[in-house]
Structure formats: structure tokens, C-alpha cells
């Protein structure tokens, strides 16, 4: 049994103990990820973007003039969700992304950030840097390094399971 007096138990208003430390840790990760996601969405609200749309623009900015195929964008997304084509449709409608069919393989669609898209996310660079600092301001640098190490271990363990 896990200590009932944890901050997580209070946050979710749970009166019974968690069944295991793993349950408490997994739930804590999910709730914390949601808190952080909502925090960052505040930065995107002012420019009518979702965090997923921002992520697509960030990926395309990094790809530069070569652009990227739609499926490669999906593979690089922070949140792996279906519907990348619809998301790019919305960004294209807003004039932030353009698409070009591949000349060798007409099934392959390359996506590029437009100048308007690049200007928009450039405007978000500083507010996002501040938000990234603020969202973890209550955690020391040493604790942040440990957190990064722990999160890397979790992802590596799951990657190994999926590939093996």
C-alpha cells in the first residue's frame, strides 16, 4: 500500500490508498503531463493554434527548405495521434503550411512551412522559452536532470519492448 497523504491523492481527491507505487507514479505522470500541456496551451491560445499544430510547424521549421513527407511529420510528433492529414489541412487553410506532391512518387506529399508560418512560430519562441522555464521553476536544475534521466529510461524501456 502507498502512502495516502501524497499530493497526488489530494489532487485527485482519492480517499483510498493506491494499489501500488507503479499506479501512483503512472497516474502522477499522466496528471502532470496534462498540467504542463494546459500550461503551454495558454501560449498558443493567443495565436489560435493547438499544441499539436505548433508541433507540426516547429518540425517543418527544423526541416528547412527540404520540407518533410506527411508520414515523417507524424513520426516526429510529440503526441502520436492519428489525423495528421486533417491537421495539415487546417494549417494549410490558415496559410501556415503548403503541400507538394512528390515528383517520383505521387503518393508522397511533402509539407513546407510558409513564410507566415515561420513568422508565427518565431513570435512564439520567446514566450515558449519563458513558459518552459516557468513550468519547471519549482524544481532545481539537479532535479530536472534527474527527471530527464528517469523519463529517458521509461521511454527507452518501452522502445526496447516495442522493437523486441
N, C-alpha and C. Protein backbone atom coordinates (compact mmCIF):
# COMPACT_ATOMS: atom_id res chain seq x y z
N UNK A 1 0.84 -1.19 0.00
CA UNK A 1 0.00 0.00 0.00
C UNK A 1 0.88 1.25 0.00
N UNK A 2 0.42 2.27 -0.68
CA UNK A 2 1.16 3.50 -0.84
C UNK A 2 0.59 4.56 0.09
N UNK A 3 1.48 5.43 0.56
CA UNK A 3 1.09 6.49 1.49
C UNK A 3 -0.08 7.31 0.96
N UNK A 4 -1.14 7.35 1.74
CA UNK A 4 -2.36 8.05 1.35
C UNK A 4 -2.18 9.56 1.35
N UNK A 5 -1.23 10.08 2.08
CA UNK A 5 -1.08 11.52 2.23
C UNK A 5 -0.30 12.17 1.10
N UNK A 6 -0.12 11.49 0.01
CA UNK A 6 0.64 12.08 -1.10
C UNK A 6 -0.13 13.24 -1.70
N UNK A 7 0.61 14.16 -2.33
CA UNK A 7 -0.02 15.28 -3.01
C UNK A 7 -0.94 14.80 -4.13
N UNK A 8 -0.57 13.73 -4.79
CA UNK A 8 -1.39 13.19 -5.87
C UNK A 8 -2.74 12.73 -5.34
N UNK A 9 -2.74 12.03 -4.23
CA UNK A 9 -4.01 11.56 -3.65
C UNK A 9 -4.92 12.75 -3.34
N UNK A 10 -4.33 13.82 -2.81
CA UNK A 10 -5.14 15.02 -2.55
C UNK A 10 -5.63 15.63 -3.86
N UNK A 11 -4.75 15.71 -4.86
CA UNK A 11 -5.12 16.33 -6.14
C UNK A 11 -6.27 15.61 -6.83
N UNK A 12 -6.30 14.30 -6.75
CA UNK A 12 -7.37 13.54 -7.41
C UNK A 12 -8.50 13.20 -6.44
N UNK A 13 -8.37 13.73 -5.22
CA UNK A 13 -9.39 13.54 -4.17
C UNK A 13 -9.70 12.06 -3.96
N UNK A 14 -8.62 11.30 -3.88
CA UNK A 14 -8.74 9.86 -3.69
C UNK A 14 -8.67 9.56 -2.19
N UNK A 15 -9.67 8.87 -1.70
CA UNK A 15 -9.71 8.58 -0.27
C UNK A 15 -9.07 7.24 0.08
N UNK A 16 -8.96 6.34 -0.89
CA UNK A 16 -8.31 5.05 -0.61
C UNK A 16 -6.87 5.09 -1.08
N UNK A 17 -6.08 4.17 -0.57
CA UNK A 17 -4.67 4.14 -0.95
C UNK A 17 -4.52 3.61 -2.37
N UNK A 18 -3.42 3.99 -3.02
CA UNK A 18 -3.13 3.46 -4.34
C UNK A 18 -2.77 1.99 -4.20
N UNK A 19 -3.10 1.21 -5.20
CA UNK A 19 -2.83 -0.23 -5.16
C UNK A 19 -1.33 -0.52 -5.19
N UNK A 20 -0.57 0.36 -5.83
CA UNK A 20 0.88 0.13 -5.93
C UNK A 20 1.59 1.45 -6.17
N UNK A 21 2.88 1.42 -5.96
CA UNK A 21 3.72 2.57 -6.25
C UNK A 21 3.68 2.86 -7.76
N UNK A 22 3.65 1.81 -8.57
CA UNK A 22 3.57 1.97 -10.03
C UNK A 22 2.29 2.69 -10.43
N UNK A 23 1.18 2.34 -9.81
CA UNK A 23 -0.09 3.01 -10.11
C UNK A 23 0.02 4.50 -9.78
N UNK A 24 0.55 4.80 -8.61
CA UNK A 24 0.69 6.18 -8.17
C UNK A 24 1.63 6.96 -9.10
N UNK A 25 2.73 6.35 -9.48
CA UNK A 25 3.70 7.03 -10.36
C UNK A 25 3.12 7.25 -11.75
N UNK A 26 2.46 6.23 -12.32
CA UNK A 26 1.89 6.36 -13.66
C UNK A 26 0.79 7.44 -13.67
N UNK A 27 -0.07 7.41 -12.68
CA UNK A 27 -1.12 8.42 -12.59
C UNK A 27 -0.51 9.81 -12.40
N UNK A 28 0.52 9.89 -11.60
CA UNK A 28 1.21 11.17 -11.40
C UNK A 28 1.80 11.71 -12.68
N UNK A 29 2.38 10.84 -13.49
CA UNK A 29 2.93 11.25 -14.79
C UNK A 29 1.83 11.80 -15.71
N UNK A 30 0.72 11.06 -15.77
CA UNK A 30 -0.37 11.48 -16.65
C UNK A 30 -0.97 12.82 -16.24
N UNK A 31 -1.19 12.99 -14.95
CA UNK A 31 -1.78 14.23 -14.46
C UNK A 31 -0.81 15.39 -14.63
N UNK A 32 0.46 15.16 -14.35
CA UNK A 32 1.47 16.21 -14.52
C UNK A 32 1.61 16.59 -15.99
N UNK A 33 1.60 15.61 -16.88
CA UNK A 33 1.67 15.90 -18.32
C UNK A 33 0.48 16.76 -18.74
N UNK A 34 -0.69 16.49 -18.19
CA UNK A 34 -1.86 17.29 -18.52
C UNK A 34 -1.73 18.71 -18.00
N UNK A 35 -1.19 18.87 -16.79
CA UNK A 35 -0.97 20.21 -16.22
C UNK A 35 -0.02 21.00 -17.13
N UNK A 36 1.07 20.37 -17.55
CA UNK A 36 2.06 21.03 -18.40
C UNK A 36 1.46 21.36 -19.76
N UNK A 37 0.71 20.41 -20.35
CA UNK A 37 0.07 20.63 -21.65
C UNK A 37 -0.86 21.84 -21.58
N UNK A 38 -1.69 21.90 -20.55
CA UNK A 38 -2.62 23.03 -20.41
C UNK A 38 -1.87 24.35 -20.22
N UNK A 39 -0.76 24.31 -19.50
CA UNK A 39 0.07 25.49 -19.29
C UNK A 39 0.57 26.04 -20.62
N UNK A 40 1.09 25.16 -21.48
CA UNK A 40 1.60 25.58 -22.78
C UNK A 40 0.49 26.00 -23.73
N UNK A 41 -0.68 25.39 -23.62
CA UNK A 41 -1.79 25.79 -24.48
C UNK A 41 -2.14 27.25 -24.28
N UNK A 42 -1.88 27.80 -23.10
CA UNK A 42 -2.10 29.21 -22.86
C UNK A 42 -1.27 30.08 -23.78
N UNK A 43 -0.08 29.63 -24.12
CA UNK A 43 0.80 30.38 -25.04
C UNK A 43 0.21 30.34 -26.45
N UNK A 44 -0.36 29.21 -26.85
CA UNK A 44 -0.86 29.04 -28.21
C UNK A 44 -2.24 29.67 -28.43
N UNK A 45 -3.01 29.83 -27.35
CA UNK A 45 -4.36 30.37 -27.49
C UNK A 45 -4.38 31.72 -28.19
N UNK A 46 -3.43 32.57 -27.86
CA UNK A 46 -3.41 33.91 -28.42
C UNK A 46 -3.19 33.96 -29.92
N UNK A 47 -2.72 32.87 -30.50
CA UNK A 47 -2.47 32.82 -31.95
C UNK A 47 -3.32 31.75 -32.63
N UNK A 48 -4.33 31.27 -31.93
CA UNK A 48 -5.28 30.29 -32.48
C UNK A 48 -4.60 29.03 -33.03
N UNK A 49 -3.67 28.50 -32.26
CA UNK A 49 -3.02 27.24 -32.60
C UNK A 49 -3.24 26.25 -31.46
N UNK A 50 -3.27 24.98 -31.80
CA UNK A 50 -3.21 23.95 -30.77
C UNK A 50 -1.74 23.58 -30.56
N UNK A 51 -1.46 22.89 -29.48
CA UNK A 51 -0.08 22.47 -29.25
C UNK A 51 0.38 21.51 -30.35
N UNK A 52 -0.52 20.68 -30.88
CA UNK A 52 -0.16 19.76 -31.95
C UNK A 52 0.15 20.52 -33.24
N UNK A 53 -0.64 21.56 -33.54
CA UNK A 53 -0.37 22.36 -34.73
C UNK A 53 0.98 23.08 -34.60
N UNK A 54 1.24 23.61 -33.41
CA UNK A 54 2.54 24.24 -33.18
C UNK A 54 3.66 23.23 -33.41
N UNK A 55 3.45 22.02 -32.92
CA UNK A 55 4.47 20.97 -33.07
C UNK A 55 4.76 20.70 -34.54
N UNK A 56 3.72 20.66 -35.38
CA UNK A 56 3.91 20.45 -36.83
C UNK A 56 4.74 21.60 -37.40
N UNK A 57 4.39 22.84 -37.04
CA UNK A 57 5.13 23.99 -37.56
C UNK A 57 6.59 23.97 -37.10
N UNK A 58 6.81 23.59 -35.84
CA UNK A 58 8.17 23.51 -35.31
C UNK A 58 8.99 22.46 -36.08
N UNK A 59 8.37 21.33 -36.35
CA UNK A 59 9.04 20.25 -37.09
C UNK A 59 9.38 20.73 -38.50
N UNK A 60 8.44 21.40 -39.14
CA UNK A 60 8.68 21.88 -40.51
C UNK A 60 9.72 23.00 -40.54
N UNK A 61 9.74 23.85 -39.53
CA UNK A 61 10.78 24.87 -39.47
C UNK A 61 12.15 24.20 -39.40
N UNK A 62 12.25 23.16 -38.59
CA UNK A 62 13.51 22.43 -38.46
C UNK A 62 13.92 21.72 -39.74
N UNK A 63 12.94 21.32 -40.54
CA UNK A 63 13.24 20.60 -41.79
C UNK A 63 13.82 21.54 -42.85
N UNK A 64 13.56 22.83 -42.71
CA UNK A 64 14.09 23.80 -43.65
C UNK A 64 13.47 23.71 -45.02
N UNK A 65 14.23 24.10 -46.03
CA UNK A 65 13.73 24.21 -47.40
C UNK A 65 13.39 22.85 -48.02
N UNK A 66 13.90 21.76 -47.44
CA UNK A 66 13.62 20.43 -47.99
C UNK A 66 12.22 19.94 -47.65
N UNK A 67 11.60 20.51 -46.61
CA UNK A 67 10.29 20.04 -46.20
C UNK A 67 10.35 18.60 -45.72
N UNK A 68 9.19 18.03 -45.45
CA UNK A 68 9.12 16.64 -44.98
C UNK A 68 7.86 15.98 -45.51
N UNK A 69 7.93 14.66 -45.77
CA UNK A 69 6.71 13.92 -46.10
C UNK A 69 5.77 13.90 -44.88
N UNK A 70 4.50 13.86 -45.16
CA UNK A 70 3.49 13.87 -44.11
C UNK A 70 3.74 12.79 -43.06
N UNK A 71 4.05 11.58 -43.48
CA UNK A 71 4.25 10.50 -42.51
C UNK A 71 5.48 10.73 -41.64
N UNK A 72 6.49 11.39 -42.17
CA UNK A 72 7.67 11.69 -41.35
C UNK A 72 7.32 12.72 -40.28
N UNK A 73 6.46 13.66 -40.62
CA UNK A 73 5.99 14.63 -39.62
C UNK A 73 5.28 13.87 -38.51
N UNK A 74 4.39 12.96 -38.89
CA UNK A 74 3.65 12.17 -37.89
C UNK A 74 4.60 11.40 -36.98
N UNK A 75 5.68 10.85 -37.54
CA UNK A 75 6.65 10.10 -36.74
C UNK A 75 7.41 10.97 -35.75
N UNK A 76 7.55 12.25 -36.06
CA UNK A 76 8.31 13.16 -35.21
C UNK A 76 7.44 13.89 -34.17
N UNK A 77 6.15 13.71 -34.25
CA UNK A 77 5.24 14.43 -33.35
C UNK A 77 5.47 14.02 -31.90
N UNK A 78 5.27 14.97 -30.99
CA UNK A 78 5.38 14.69 -29.57
C UNK A 78 4.24 13.76 -29.16
N UNK A 79 3.02 14.12 -29.54
CA UNK A 79 1.86 13.28 -29.26
C UNK A 79 1.53 12.51 -30.52
N UNK A 80 1.66 11.19 -30.47
CA UNK A 80 1.40 10.34 -31.62
C UNK A 80 -0.10 10.07 -31.71
N UNK A 81 -0.76 10.83 -32.57
CA UNK A 81 -2.20 10.68 -32.75
C UNK A 81 -2.50 10.58 -34.24
N UNK A 82 -3.56 9.85 -34.57
CA UNK A 82 -3.95 9.82 -35.98
C UNK A 82 -4.51 11.19 -36.38
N UNK A 83 -4.66 11.41 -37.66
CA UNK A 83 -5.26 12.64 -38.13
C UNK A 83 -4.28 13.69 -38.57
N UNK A 84 -3.05 13.31 -38.90
CA UNK A 84 -2.05 14.30 -39.32
C UNK A 84 -2.49 15.00 -40.60
N UNK A 85 -3.17 14.29 -41.50
CA UNK A 85 -3.62 14.90 -42.76
C UNK A 85 -4.63 16.01 -42.48
N UNK A 86 -5.58 15.77 -41.60
CA UNK A 86 -6.57 16.80 -41.26
C UNK A 86 -5.90 18.00 -40.58
N UNK A 87 -4.91 17.71 -39.73
CA UNK A 87 -4.21 18.80 -39.06
C UNK A 87 -3.47 19.67 -40.08
N UNK A 88 -2.82 19.04 -41.04
CA UNK A 88 -2.11 19.79 -42.07
C UNK A 88 -3.10 20.53 -42.96
N UNK A 89 -4.28 19.92 -43.21
CA UNK A 89 -5.34 20.63 -43.94
C UNK A 89 -5.66 21.96 -43.26
N UNK A 90 -5.84 21.92 -41.94
CA UNK A 90 -6.19 23.14 -41.20
C UNK A 90 -5.05 24.17 -41.25
N UNK A 91 -3.81 23.69 -41.12
CA UNK A 91 -2.67 24.61 -41.20
C UNK A 91 -2.53 25.20 -42.59
N UNK A 92 -2.83 24.41 -43.61
CA UNK A 92 -2.77 24.91 -44.99
C UNK A 92 -3.87 25.96 -45.21
N UNK A 93 -5.06 25.71 -44.69
CA UNK A 93 -6.16 26.68 -44.79
C UNK A 93 -5.79 28.01 -44.14
N UNK A 94 -5.03 27.95 -43.05
CA UNK A 94 -4.58 29.16 -42.36
C UNK A 94 -3.40 29.83 -43.07
N UNK A 95 -2.86 29.18 -44.11
CA UNK A 95 -1.73 29.74 -44.85
C UNK A 95 -0.39 29.55 -44.16
N UNK A 96 -0.31 28.57 -43.24
CA UNK A 96 0.91 28.36 -42.47
C UNK A 96 1.78 27.23 -43.02
N UNK A 97 1.18 26.40 -43.87
CA UNK A 97 1.85 25.24 -44.44
C UNK A 97 1.43 25.14 -45.91
N UNK A 98 2.33 24.63 -46.73
CA UNK A 98 1.96 24.30 -48.11
C UNK A 98 2.39 22.86 -48.39
N UNK A 99 1.68 22.23 -49.33
CA UNK A 99 1.97 20.84 -49.68
C UNK A 99 2.29 20.73 -51.16
N UNK A 100 3.17 19.77 -51.45
CA UNK A 100 3.55 19.48 -52.83
C UNK A 100 3.63 17.97 -52.98
N UNK A 101 3.02 17.45 -54.03
CA UNK A 101 3.13 16.00 -54.30
C UNK A 101 4.53 15.70 -54.82
N UNK A 102 5.07 14.56 -54.39
CA UNK A 102 6.40 14.15 -54.85
C UNK A 102 6.41 13.90 -56.35
N UNK A 103 7.49 14.23 -57.00
CA UNK A 103 7.57 14.02 -58.46
C UNK A 103 7.85 12.55 -58.78
N UNK A 104 8.61 11.86 -57.93
CA UNK A 104 8.92 10.45 -58.16
C UNK A 104 7.78 9.54 -57.73
N UNK A 105 7.18 9.85 -56.59
CA UNK A 105 6.09 9.04 -56.04
C UNK A 105 4.93 9.98 -55.75
N UNK A 106 3.91 9.95 -56.58
CA UNK A 106 2.79 10.87 -56.45
C UNK A 106 1.99 10.64 -55.15
N UNK A 107 2.20 9.47 -54.52
CA UNK A 107 1.50 9.21 -53.25
C UNK A 107 2.15 9.97 -52.10
N UNK A 108 3.41 10.33 -52.26
CA UNK A 108 4.15 11.03 -51.21
C UNK A 108 3.87 12.53 -51.31
N UNK A 109 3.43 13.11 -50.20
CA UNK A 109 3.13 14.54 -50.15
C UNK A 109 4.15 15.20 -49.22
N UNK A 110 4.87 16.18 -49.74
CA UNK A 110 5.84 16.92 -48.94
C UNK A 110 5.17 18.17 -48.39
N UNK A 111 5.49 18.49 -47.16
CA UNK A 111 4.95 19.67 -46.49
C UNK A 111 6.07 20.64 -46.19
N UNK A 112 5.74 21.91 -46.30
CA UNK A 112 6.71 23.00 -46.07
C UNK A 112 6.04 24.07 -45.22
N UNK A 113 6.80 24.68 -44.35
CA UNK A 113 6.28 25.82 -43.60
C UNK A 113 6.32 27.04 -44.54
N UNK A 114 5.28 27.83 -44.48
CA UNK A 114 5.24 29.06 -45.29
C UNK A 114 5.93 30.18 -44.53
N UNK A 115 6.23 31.28 -45.22
CA UNK A 115 6.79 32.44 -44.51
C UNK A 115 5.88 32.92 -43.37
N UNK A 116 4.56 32.90 -43.57
CA UNK A 116 3.64 33.29 -42.49
C UNK A 116 3.75 32.32 -41.31
N UNK A 117 3.88 31.03 -41.61
CA UNK A 117 4.03 30.04 -40.54
C UNK A 117 5.33 30.24 -39.78
N UNK A 118 6.40 30.52 -40.50
CA UNK A 118 7.70 30.73 -39.87
C UNK A 118 7.67 31.98 -38.99
N UNK A 119 7.02 33.04 -39.47
CA UNK A 119 6.91 34.26 -38.65
C UNK A 119 6.09 34.01 -37.40
N UNK A 120 5.01 33.26 -37.55
CA UNK A 120 4.15 32.98 -36.40
C UNK A 120 4.90 32.23 -35.30
N UNK A 121 5.60 31.17 -35.66
CA UNK A 121 6.28 30.43 -34.58
C UNK A 121 7.51 31.17 -34.07
N UNK A 122 8.10 32.01 -34.91
CA UNK A 122 9.21 32.85 -34.41
C UNK A 122 8.70 33.79 -33.31
N UNK A 123 7.47 34.29 -33.48
CA UNK A 123 6.86 35.14 -32.45
C UNK A 123 6.62 34.38 -31.15
N UNK A 124 6.50 33.07 -31.25
CA UNK A 124 6.23 32.24 -30.07
C UNK A 124 7.50 31.76 -29.38
N UNK A 125 8.65 31.91 -30.01
CA UNK A 125 9.90 31.39 -29.44
C UNK A 125 10.14 31.91 -28.02
N UNK A 126 10.10 33.22 -27.83
CA UNK A 126 10.40 33.77 -26.51
C UNK A 126 9.32 33.45 -25.48
N UNK A 127 8.03 33.62 -25.81
CA UNK A 127 7.00 33.22 -24.84
C UNK A 127 7.12 31.74 -24.44
N UNK A 128 7.49 30.88 -25.38
CA UNK A 128 7.65 29.46 -25.05
C UNK A 128 8.88 29.22 -24.18
N UNK A 129 9.96 29.93 -24.44
CA UNK A 129 11.15 29.78 -23.57
C UNK A 129 10.79 30.17 -22.13
N UNK A 130 10.05 31.27 -22.00
CA UNK A 130 9.63 31.68 -20.65
C UNK A 130 8.71 30.64 -20.01
N UNK A 131 7.78 30.12 -20.79
CA UNK A 131 6.85 29.11 -20.27
C UNK A 131 7.59 27.84 -19.87
N UNK A 132 8.57 27.42 -20.66
CA UNK A 132 9.35 26.23 -20.33
C UNK A 132 10.10 26.41 -19.02
N UNK A 133 10.62 27.60 -18.81
CA UNK A 133 11.31 27.89 -17.56
C UNK A 133 10.31 27.92 -16.40
N UNK A 134 9.20 28.60 -16.61
CA UNK A 134 8.22 28.78 -15.55
C UNK A 134 7.55 27.47 -15.13
N UNK A 135 7.29 26.59 -16.10
CA UNK A 135 6.58 25.36 -15.79
C UNK A 135 7.39 24.45 -14.86
N UNK A 136 8.72 24.62 -14.86
CA UNK A 136 9.58 23.80 -14.00
C UNK A 136 10.36 24.63 -12.98
N UNK A 137 9.93 25.86 -12.77
CA UNK A 137 10.66 26.77 -11.88
C UNK A 137 10.74 26.25 -10.45
N UNK A 138 9.79 25.44 -10.04
CA UNK A 138 9.78 24.93 -8.67
C UNK A 138 10.69 23.71 -8.47
N UNK A 139 11.37 23.31 -9.54
CA UNK A 139 12.24 22.13 -9.50
C UNK A 139 13.67 22.59 -9.78
N UNK A 140 14.61 22.19 -8.96
CA UNK A 140 16.01 22.60 -9.13
C UNK A 140 16.60 22.01 -10.41
N UNK A 141 17.72 22.59 -10.85
CA UNK A 141 18.40 22.05 -12.04
C UNK A 141 18.80 20.59 -11.82
N UNK A 142 19.29 20.29 -10.63
CA UNK A 142 19.67 18.90 -10.32
C UNK A 142 18.46 17.98 -10.44
N UNK A 143 17.32 18.40 -9.92
CA UNK A 143 16.11 17.59 -10.02
C UNK A 143 15.65 17.47 -11.47
N UNK A 144 15.80 18.55 -12.25
CA UNK A 144 15.42 18.49 -13.66
C UNK A 144 16.28 17.49 -14.41
N UNK A 145 17.58 17.46 -14.11
CA UNK A 145 18.47 16.48 -14.75
C UNK A 145 18.05 15.05 -14.39
N UNK A 146 17.70 14.84 -13.14
CA UNK A 146 17.24 13.51 -12.70
C UNK A 146 15.92 13.15 -13.38
N UNK A 147 15.02 14.11 -13.48
CA UNK A 147 13.75 13.88 -14.16
C UNK A 147 13.98 13.49 -15.61
N UNK A 148 14.86 14.20 -16.30
CA UNK A 148 15.19 13.87 -17.69
C UNK A 148 15.72 12.45 -17.79
N UNK A 149 16.61 12.10 -16.88
CA UNK A 149 17.18 10.74 -16.85
C UNK A 149 16.10 9.68 -16.65
N UNK A 150 15.19 9.93 -15.71
CA UNK A 150 14.11 8.97 -15.44
C UNK A 150 13.17 8.84 -16.64
N UNK A 151 12.80 9.96 -17.23
CA UNK A 151 11.91 9.92 -18.39
C UNK A 151 12.58 9.23 -19.57
N UNK A 152 13.88 9.48 -19.77
CA UNK A 152 14.63 8.79 -20.82
C UNK A 152 14.61 7.28 -20.59
N UNK A 153 14.77 6.86 -19.35
CA UNK A 153 14.76 5.42 -19.01
C UNK A 153 13.41 4.80 -19.32
N UNK A 154 12.35 5.50 -18.98
CA UNK A 154 11.00 4.97 -19.24
C UNK A 154 10.79 4.80 -20.75
N UNK A 155 11.11 5.85 -21.53
CA UNK A 155 10.93 5.76 -22.98
C UNK A 155 11.81 4.68 -23.60
N UNK A 156 13.05 4.60 -23.16
CA UNK A 156 13.97 3.58 -23.71
C UNK A 156 13.45 2.18 -23.41
N UNK A 157 12.94 1.98 -22.23
CA UNK A 157 12.39 0.68 -21.87
C UNK A 157 11.20 0.30 -22.74
N UNK A 158 10.35 1.26 -23.02
CA UNK A 158 9.20 0.99 -23.88
C UNK A 158 9.61 0.82 -25.33
N UNK A 159 10.61 1.59 -25.78
CA UNK A 159 11.11 1.42 -27.15
C UNK A 159 11.68 0.02 -27.33
N UNK A 160 12.42 -0.46 -26.32
CA UNK A 160 13.00 -1.80 -26.39
C UNK A 160 11.91 -2.86 -26.44
N UNK A 161 10.86 -2.69 -25.67
CA UNK A 161 9.73 -3.62 -25.68
C UNK A 161 9.05 -3.66 -27.05
N UNK A 162 8.87 -2.48 -27.65
CA UNK A 162 8.16 -2.38 -28.92
C UNK A 162 8.98 -2.96 -30.07
N UNK A 163 10.30 -2.84 -30.00
CA UNK A 163 11.15 -3.32 -31.10
C UNK A 163 11.61 -4.76 -30.90
N UNK A 164 11.39 -5.28 -29.71
CA UNK A 164 11.92 -6.62 -29.43
C UNK A 164 10.93 -7.65 -29.29
